[in-house]
Amino acid sequence: MILAAKIALVVFSVILVAVILLQSGRSAGLGAITGGGNEGGASRRGKGTDPLLAKATSVMAVVFYVVTLLIAYLVAHQ
């Protein structure tokens, strides 16, 4: 059970990092690293994805927290 929870924690943490990096922030997210900025039409993202990514970030953060607490509980009561 603990091994499954640890694997789930790693998976959720990778997904959480990916969702955070996909969001466009003040400096245009990952597009600013490559120098793309807002000039290229191919790299533009629809305005509808930002609220979805924000909600996904919140959900993944809660799931990450719950799985972390589950692992702590399982280790303490082993």
PDB file of N, CA and C in Angstrom:
ATOM      1  N   MET A   1       0.821  -1.199   0.000  1.00  0.00           N
ATOM      2  CA  MET A   1       0.000   0.000   0.000  1.00  0.00           C
ATOM      3  C   MET A   1       0.864   1.261   0.000  1.00  0.00           C
ATOM      4  N   ILE A   2       1.920   1.224   0.801  1.00  0.00           N
ATOM      5  CA  ILE A   2       2.798   2.391   0.860  1.00  0.00           C
ATOM      6  C   ILE A   2       3.513   2.588  -0.476  1.00  0.00           C
ATOM      7  N   LEU A   3       3.928   1.502  -1.093  1.00  0.00           N
ATOM      8  CA  LEU A   3       4.605   1.603  -2.390  1.00  0.00           C
ATOM      9  C   LEU A   3       3.678   2.205  -3.445  1.00  0.00           C
ATOM     10  N   ALA A   4       2.430   1.793  -3.457  1.00  0.00           N
ATOM     11  CA  ALA A   4       1.466   2.348  -4.416  1.00  0.00           C
ATOM     12  C   ALA A   4       1.238   3.826  -4.166  1.00  0.00           C
ATOM     13  N   ALA A   5       1.169   4.222  -2.893  1.00  0.00           N
ATOM     14  CA  ALA A   5       0.977   5.637  -2.568  1.00  0.00           C
ATOM     15  C   ALA A   5       2.198   6.458  -2.974  1.00  0.00           C
ATOM     16  N   LYS A   6       3.392   5.899  -2.805  1.00  0.00           N
ATOM     17  CA  LYS A   6       4.608   6.614  -3.201  1.00  0.00           C
ATOM     18  C   LYS A   6       4.680   6.772  -4.717  1.00  0.00           C
ATOM     19  N   ILE A   7       4.294   5.734  -5.438  1.00  0.00           N
ATOM     20  CA  ILE A   7       4.272   5.830  -6.906  1.00  0.00           C
ATOM     21  C   ILE A   7       3.254   6.868  -7.360  1.00  0.00           C
ATOM     22  N   ALA A   8       2.086   6.856  -6.717  1.00  0.00           N
ATOM     23  CA  ALA A   8       1.058   7.850  -7.042  1.00  0.00           C
ATOM     24  C   ALA A   8       1.556   9.255  -6.752  1.00  0.00           C
ATOM     25  N   LEU A   9       2.297   9.428  -5.653  1.00  0.00           N
ATOM     26  CA  LEU A   9       2.828  10.747  -5.314  1.00  0.00           C
ATOM     27  C   LEU A   9       3.798  11.244  -6.379  1.00  0.00           C
ATOM     28  N   VAL A  10       4.649  10.368  -6.871  1.00  0.00           N
ATOM     29  CA  VAL A  10       5.594  10.756  -7.921  1.00  0.00           C
ATOM     30  C   VAL A  10       4.849  11.134  -9.197  1.00  0.00           C
ATOM     31  N   VAL A  11       3.849  10.341  -9.561  1.00  0.00           N
ATOM     32  CA  VAL A  11       3.074  10.630 -10.772  1.00  0.00           C
ATOM     33  C   VAL A  11       2.342  11.959 -10.641  1.00  0.00           C
ATOM     34  N   PHE A  12       1.680  12.177  -9.505  1.00  0.00           N
ATOM     35  CA  PHE A  12       0.940  13.423  -9.315  1.00  0.00           C
ATOM     36  C   PHE A  12       1.866  14.628  -9.252  1.00  0.00           C
ATOM     37  N   SER A  13       3.067  14.464  -8.692  1.00  0.00           N
ATOM     38  CA  SER A  13       3.991  15.590  -8.633  1.00  0.00           C
ATOM     39  C   SER A  13       4.494  15.968 -10.019  1.00  0.00           C
ATOM     40  N   VAL A  14       4.752  14.979 -10.873  1.00  0.00           N
ATOM     41  CA  VAL A  14       5.182  15.271 -12.244  1.00  0.00           C
ATOM     42  C   VAL A  14       4.057  15.962 -13.018  1.00  0.00           C
ATOM     43  N   ILE A  15       2.831  15.481 -12.844  1.00  0.00           N
ATOM     44  CA  ILE A  15       1.686  16.120 -13.516  1.00  0.00           C
ATOM     45  C   ILE A  15       1.487  17.532 -13.001  1.00  0.00           C
ATOM     46  N   LEU A  16       1.640  17.741 -11.697  1.00  0.00           N
ATOM     47  CA  LEU A  16       1.487  19.076 -11.124  1.00  0.00           C
ATOM     48  C   LEU A  16       2.523  20.042 -11.690  1.00  0.00           C
ATOM     49  N   VAL A  17       3.761  19.615 -11.789  1.00  0.00           N
ATOM     50  CA  VAL A  17       4.812  20.465 -12.365  1.00  0.00           C
ATOM     51  C   VAL A  17       4.506  20.781 -13.821  1.00  0.00           C
ATOM     52  N   ALA A  18       4.049  19.784 -14.573  1.00  0.00           N
ATOM     53  CA  ALA A  18       3.726  20.008 -15.986  1.00  0.00           C
ATOM     54  C   ALA A  18       2.576  20.995 -16.145  1.00  0.00           C
ATOM     55  N   VAL A  19       1.549  20.872 -15.327  1.00  0.00           N
ATOM     56  CA  VAL A  19       0.404  21.782 -15.425  1.00  0.00           C
ATOM     57  C   VAL A  19       0.821  23.195 -15.054  1.00  0.00           C
ATOM     58  N   ILE A  20       1.672  23.340 -14.062  1.00  0.00           N
ATOM     59  CA  ILE A  20       2.142  24.678 -13.682  1.00  0.00           C
ATOM     60  C   ILE A  20       2.966  25.293 -14.804  1.00  0.00           C
ATOM     61  N   LEU A  21       3.841  24.504 -15.432  1.00  0.00           N
ATOM     62  CA  LEU A  21       4.670  25.045 -16.501  1.00  0.00           C
ATOM     63  C   LEU A  21       3.873  25.371 -17.760  1.00  0.00           C
ATOM     64  N   LEU A  22       2.735  24.733 -17.968  1.00  0.00           N
ATOM     65  CA  LEU A  22       1.925  25.024 -19.142  1.00  0.00           C
ATOM     66  C   LEU A  22       1.151  26.338 -19.024  1.00  0.00           C
ATOM     67  N   GLN A  23       1.009  26.838 -17.820  1.00  0.00           N
ATOM     68  CA  GLN A  23       0.268  28.085 -17.635  1.00  0.00           C
ATOM     69  C   GLN A  23       1.079  29.262 -18.150  1.00  0.00           C
ATOM     70  N   SER A  24       0.360  30.241 -18.683  1.00  0.00           N
ATOM     71  CA  SER A  24       1.043  31.460 -19.104  1.00  0.00           C
ATOM     72  C   SER A  24       1.019  32.431 -17.936  1.00  0.00           C
ATOM     73  N   GLY A  25       2.190  32.823 -17.517  1.00  0.00           N
ATOM     74  CA  GLY A  25       2.309  33.725 -16.379  1.00  0.00           C
ATOM     75  C   GLY A  25       2.563  35.144 -16.841  1.00  0.00           C
ATOM     76  N   ARG A  26       3.167  35.912 -15.966  1.00  0.00           N
ATOM     77  CA  ARG A  26       3.465  37.313 -16.284  1.00  0.00           C
ATOM     78  C   ARG A  26       4.468  37.432 -17.424  1.00  0.00           C
ATOM     79  N   SER A  27       5.378  36.477 -17.505  1.00  0.00           N
ATOM     80  CA  SER A  27       6.402  36.553 -18.555  1.00  0.00           C
ATOM     81  C   SER A  27       6.145  35.540 -19.658  1.00  0.00           C
ATOM     82  N   ALA A  28       4.903  35.177 -19.880  1.00  0.00           N
ATOM     83  CA  ALA A  28       4.464  34.317 -20.974  1.00  0.00           C
ATOM     84  C   ALA A  28       4.919  32.869 -20.827  1.00  0.00           C
ATOM     85  N   GLY A  29       5.182  32.398 -19.622  1.00  0.00           N
ATOM     86  CA  GLY A  29       5.455  30.992 -19.370  1.00  0.00           C
ATOM     87  C   GLY A  29       6.698  30.477 -20.068  1.00  0.00           C
ATOM     88  N   LEU A  30       6.615  29.277 -20.619  1.00  0.00           N
ATOM     89  CA  LEU A  30       7.768  28.658 -21.265  1.00  0.00           C
ATOM     90  C   LEU A  30       8.114  29.326 -22.591  1.00  0.00           C
ATOM     91  N   GLY A  31       7.193  30.089 -23.151  1.00  0.00           N
ATOM     92  CA  GLY A  31       7.480  30.787 -24.403  1.00  0.00           C
ATOM     93  C   GLY A  31       8.561  31.838 -24.247  1.00  0.00           C
ATOM     94  N   ALA A  32       8.687  32.409 -23.059  1.00  0.00           N
ATOM     95  CA  ALA A  32       9.708  33.423 -22.821  1.00  0.00           C
ATOM     96  C   ALA A  32      11.104  32.819 -22.781  1.00  0.00           C
ATOM     97  N   ILE A  33      11.217  31.567 -22.416  1.00  0.00           N
ATOM     98  CA  ILE A  33      12.528  30.913 -22.353  1.00  0.00           C
ATOM     99  C   ILE A  33      13.123  30.800 -23.751  1.00  0.00           C
ATOM    100  N   THR A  34      12.302  30.440 -24.725  1.00  0.00           N
ATOM    101  CA  THR A  34      12.799  30.264 -26.081  1.00  0.00           C
ATOM    102  C   THR A  34      12.839  31.569 -26.860  1.00  0.00           C
ATOM    103  N   GLY A  35      12.372  32.639 -26.267  1.00  0.00           N
ATOM    104  CA  GLY A  35      12.384  33.922 -26.949  1.00  0.00           C
ATOM    105  C   GLY A  35      11.192  34.123 -27.856  1.00  0.00           C
ATOM    106  N   GLY A  36      10.212  33.241 -27.778  1.00  0.00           N
ATOM    107  CA  GLY A  36       9.043  33.331 -28.646  1.00  0.00           C
ATOM    108  C   GLY A  36       8.163  34.527 -28.348  1.00  0.00           C
ATOM    109  N   GLY A  37       7.967  34.798 -27.086  1.00  0.00           N
ATOM    110  CA  GLY A  37       7.109  35.913 -26.722  1.00  0.00           C
ATOM    111  C   GLY A  37       5.704  35.736 -27.264  1.00  0.00           C
ATOM    112  N   ASN A  38       5.102  36.830 -27.693  1.00  0.00           N
ATOM    113  CA  ASN A  38       3.754  36.784 -28.248  1.00  0.00           C
ATOM    114  C   ASN A  38       3.738  37.054 -29.745  1.00  0.00           C
ATOM    115  N   GLU A  39       4.887  37.047 -30.390  1.00  0.00           N
ATOM    116  CA  GLU A  39       4.916  37.377 -31.809  1.00  0.00           C
ATOM    117  C   GLU A  39       4.398  36.238 -32.684  1.00  0.00           C
ATOM    118  N   GLY A  40       4.753  35.018 -32.372  1.00  0.00           N
ATOM    119  CA  GLY A  40       4.426  33.893 -33.237  1.00  0.00           C
ATOM    120  C   GLY A  40       2.980  33.459 -33.106  1.00  0.00           C
ATOM    121  N   GLY A  41       2.302  33.303 -34.214  1.00  0.00           N
ATOM    122  CA  GLY A  41       0.924  32.861 -34.178  1.00  0.00           C
ATOM    123  C   GLY A  41       0.803  31.389 -33.850  1.00  0.00           C
ATOM    124  N   ALA A  42       1.818  30.599 -34.164  1.00  0.00           N
ATOM    125  CA  ALA A  42       1.753  29.160 -33.926  1.00  0.00           C
ATOM    126  C   ALA A  42       1.867  28.837 -32.444  1.00  0.00           C
ATOM    127  N   SER A  43       2.545  29.688 -31.681  1.00  0.00           N
ATOM    128  CA  SER A  43       2.727  29.387 -30.265  1.00  0.00           C
ATOM    129  C   SER A  43       1.625  29.972 -29.398  1.00  0.00           C
ATOM    130  N   ARG A  44       0.669  30.640 -29.976  1.00  0.00           N
ATOM    131  CA  ARG A  44      -0.407  31.227 -29.177  1.00  0.00           C
ATOM    132  C   ARG A  44      -1.343  30.146 -28.678  1.00  0.00           C
ATOM    133  N   ARG A  45      -1.797  30.350 -27.477  1.00  0.00           N
ATOM    134  CA  ARG A  45      -2.729  29.421 -26.858  1.00  0.00           C
ATOM    135  C   ARG A  45      -4.072  30.131 -26.736  1.00  0.00           C
ATOM    136  N   GLY A  46      -5.137  29.399 -26.880  1.00  0.00           N
ATOM    137  CA  GLY A  46      -6.451  29.987 -26.750  1.00  0.00           C
ATOM    138  C   GLY A  46      -6.684  30.509 -25.346  1.00  0.00           C
ATOM    139  N   LYS A  47      -7.495  31.536 -25.229  1.00  0.00           N
ATOM    140  CA  LYS A  47      -7.741  32.122 -23.918  1.00  0.00           C
ATOM    141  C   LYS A  47      -8.551  31.195 -23.023  1.00  0.00           C
ATOM    142  N   GLY A  48      -9.150  30.173 -23.587  1.00  0.00           N
ATOM    143  CA  GLY A  48      -9.957  29.265 -22.803  1.00  0.00           C
ATOM    144  C   GLY A  48      -9.160  28.247 -22.013  1.00  0.00           C
ATOM    145  N   THR A  49      -7.883  28.092 -22.293  1.00  0.00           N
ATOM    146  CA  THR A  49      -7.095  27.082 -21.600  1.00  0.00           C
ATOM    147  C   THR A  49      -6.563  27.563 -20.259  1.00  0.00           C
ATOM    148  N   ASP A  50      -6.389  28.854 -20.080  1.00  0.00           N
ATOM    149  CA  ASP A  50      -5.832  29.346 -18.818  1.00  0.00           C
ATOM    150  C   ASP A  50      -6.729  29.055 -17.616  1.00  0.00           C
ATOM    151  N   PRO A  51      -8.036  29.294 -17.694  1.00  0.00           N
ATOM    152  CA  PRO A  51      -8.871  28.917 -16.534  1.00  0.00           C
ATOM    153  C   PRO A  51      -8.880  27.409 -16.281  1.00  0.00           C
ATOM    154  N   LEU A  52      -8.830  26.626 -17.336  1.00  0.00           N
ATOM    155  CA  LEU A  52      -8.794  25.172 -17.183  1.00  0.00           C
ATOM    156  C   LEU A  52      -7.502  24.736 -16.504  1.00  0.00           C
ATOM    157  N   LEU A  53      -6.386  25.322 -16.906  1.00  0.00           N
ATOM    158  CA  LEU A  53      -5.105  24.974 -16.288  1.00  0.00           C
ATOM    159  C   LEU A  53      -5.048  25.438 -14.836  1.00  0.00           C
ATOM    160  N   ALA A  54      -5.656  26.568 -14.529  1.00  0.00           N
ATOM    161  CA  ALA A  54      -5.687  27.048 -13.146  1.00  0.00           C
ATOM    162  C   ALA A  54      -6.498  26.101 -12.273  1.00  0.00           C
ATOM    163  N   LYS A  55      -7.623  25.624 -12.783  1.00  0.00           N
ATOM    164  CA  LYS A  55      -8.441  24.681 -12.024  1.00  0.00           C
ATOM    165  C   LYS A  55      -7.716  23.343 -11.888  1.00  0.00           C
ATOM    166  N   ALA A  56      -7.048  22.906 -12.944  1.00  0.00           N
ATOM    167  CA  ALA A  56      -6.297  21.655 -12.879  1.00  0.00           C
ATOM    168  C   ALA A  56      -5.158  21.756 -11.866  1.00  0.00           C
ATOM    169  N   THR A  57      -4.531  22.916 -11.776  1.00  0.00           N
ATOM    170  CA  THR A  57      -3.465  23.120 -10.798  1.00  0.00           C
ATOM    171  C   THR A  57      -4.011  22.996  -9.382  1.00  0.00           C
ATOM    172  N   SER A  58      -5.157  23.603  -9.142  1.00  0.00           N
ATOM    173  CA  SER A  58      -5.762  23.524  -7.808  1.00  0.00           C
ATOM    174  C   SER A  58      -6.115  22.086  -7.446  1.00  0.00           C
ATOM    175  N   VAL A  59      -6.711  21.371  -8.378  1.00  0.00           N
ATOM    176  CA  VAL A  59      -7.098  19.985  -8.118  1.00  0.00           C
ATOM    177  C   VAL A  59      -5.863  19.125  -7.872  1.00  0.00           C
ATOM    178  N   MET A  60      -4.844  19.294  -8.698  1.00  0.00           N
ATOM    179  CA  MET A  60      -3.642  18.481  -8.540  1.00  0.00           C
ATOM    180  C   MET A  60      -2.914  18.810  -7.232  1.00  0.00           C
ATOM    181  N   ALA A  61      -2.942  20.067  -6.807  1.00  0.00           N
ATOM    182  CA  ALA A  61      -2.315  20.435  -5.532  1.00  0.00           C
ATOM    183  C   ALA A  61      -3.031  19.767  -4.364  1.00  0.00           C
ATOM    184  N   VAL A  62      -4.357  19.734  -4.410  1.00  0.00           N
ATOM    185  CA  VAL A  62      -5.118  19.075  -3.340  1.00  0.00           C
ATOM    186  C   VAL A  62      -4.847  17.578  -3.337  1.00  0.00           C
ATOM    187  N   VAL A  63      -4.823  16.962  -4.514  1.00  0.00           N
ATOM    188  CA  VAL A  63      -4.545  15.528  -4.599  1.00  0.00           C
ATOM    189  C   VAL A  63      -3.139  15.231  -4.086  1.00  0.00           C
ATOM    190  N   PHE A  64      -2.177  16.060  -4.452  1.00  0.00           N
ATOM    191  CA  PHE A  64      -0.804  15.900  -3.984  1.00  0.00           C
ATOM    192  C   PHE A  64      -0.746  15.960  -2.457  1.00  0.00           C
ATOM    193  N   TYR A  65      -1.445  16.912  -1.881  1.00  0.00           N
ATOM    194  CA  TYR A  65      -1.468  17.092  -0.426  1.00  0.00           C
ATOM    195  C   TYR A  65      -2.108  15.885   0.257  1.00  0.00           C
ATOM    196  N   VAL A  66      -3.225  15.409  -0.274  1.00  0.00           N
ATOM    197  CA  VAL A  66      -3.927  14.277   0.322  1.00  0.00           C
ATOM    198  C   VAL A  66      -3.073  13.008   0.251  1.00  0.00           C
ATOM    199  N   VAL A  67      -2.422  12.779  -0.876  1.00  0.00           N
ATOM    200  CA  VAL A  67      -1.574  11.588  -0.998  1.00  0.00           C
ATOM    201  C   VAL A  67      -0.380  11.686  -0.053  1.00  0.00           C
ATOM    202  N   THR A  68       0.161  12.881   0.119  1.00  0.00           N
ATOM    203  CA  THR A  68       1.271  13.067   1.058  1.00  0.00           C
ATOM    204  C   THR A  68       0.826  12.754   2.488  1.00  0.00           C
ATOM    205  N   LEU A  69      -0.367  13.237   2.867  1.00  0.00           N
ATOM    206  CA  LEU A  69      -0.886  12.928   4.196  1.00  0.00           C
ATOM    207  C   LEU A  69      -1.170  11.432   4.354  1.00  0.00           C
ATOM    208  N   LEU A  70      -1.644  10.789   3.298  1.00  0.00           N
ATOM    209  CA  LEU A  70      -1.882   9.347   3.341  1.00  0.00           C
ATOM    210  C   LEU A  70      -0.583   8.584   3.571  1.00  0.00           C
ATOM    211  N   ILE A  71       0.469   8.986   2.889  1.00  0.00           N
ATOM    212  CA  ILE A  71       1.769   8.324   3.087  1.00  0.00           C
ATOM    213  C   ILE A  71       2.262   8.528   4.515  1.00  0.00           C
ATOM    214  N   ALA A  72       2.115   9.730   5.037  1.00  0.00           N
ATOM    215  CA  ALA A  72       2.544   9.997   6.424  1.00  0.00           C
ATOM    216  C   ALA A  72       1.745   9.152   7.408  1.00  0.00           C
ATOM    217  N   TYR A  73       0.448   9.013   7.185  1.00  0.00           N
ATOM    218  CA  TYR A  73      -0.383   8.194   8.051  1.00  0.00           C
ATOM    219  C   TYR A  73       0.023   6.721   7.976  1.00  0.00           C
ATOM    220  N   LEU A  74       0.232   6.237   6.766  1.00  0.00           N
ATOM    221  CA  LEU A  74       0.597   4.830   6.595  1.00  0.00           C
ATOM    222  C   LEU A  74       1.954   4.508   7.224  1.00  0.00           C
ATOM    223  N   VAL A  75       2.894   5.409   7.096  1.00  0.00           N
ATOM    224  CA  VAL A  75       4.217   5.182   7.691  1.00  0.00           C
ATOM    225  C   VAL A  75       4.135   5.222   9.219  1.00  0.00           C
ATOM    226  N   ALA A  76       3.324   6.125   9.759  1.00  0.00           N
ATOM    227  CA  ALA A  76       3.218   6.243  11.210  1.00  0.00           C
ATOM    228  C   ALA A  76       2.503   5.052  11.840  1.00  0.00           C
ATOM    229  N   HIS A  77       1.596   4.440  11.108  1.00  0.00           N
ATOM    230  CA  HIS A  77       0.822   3.322  11.643  1.00  0.00           C
ATOM    231  C   HIS A  77       1.239   1.985  11.043  1.00  0.00           C
ATOM    232  N   GLN A  78       2.468   1.862  10.746  1.00  0.00           N
ATOM    233  CA  GLN A  78       2.980   0.630  10.120  1.00  0.00           C
ATOM    234  C   GLN A  78       3.357  -0.391  11.162  1.00  0.00           C
TER     235      GLN A  78
END
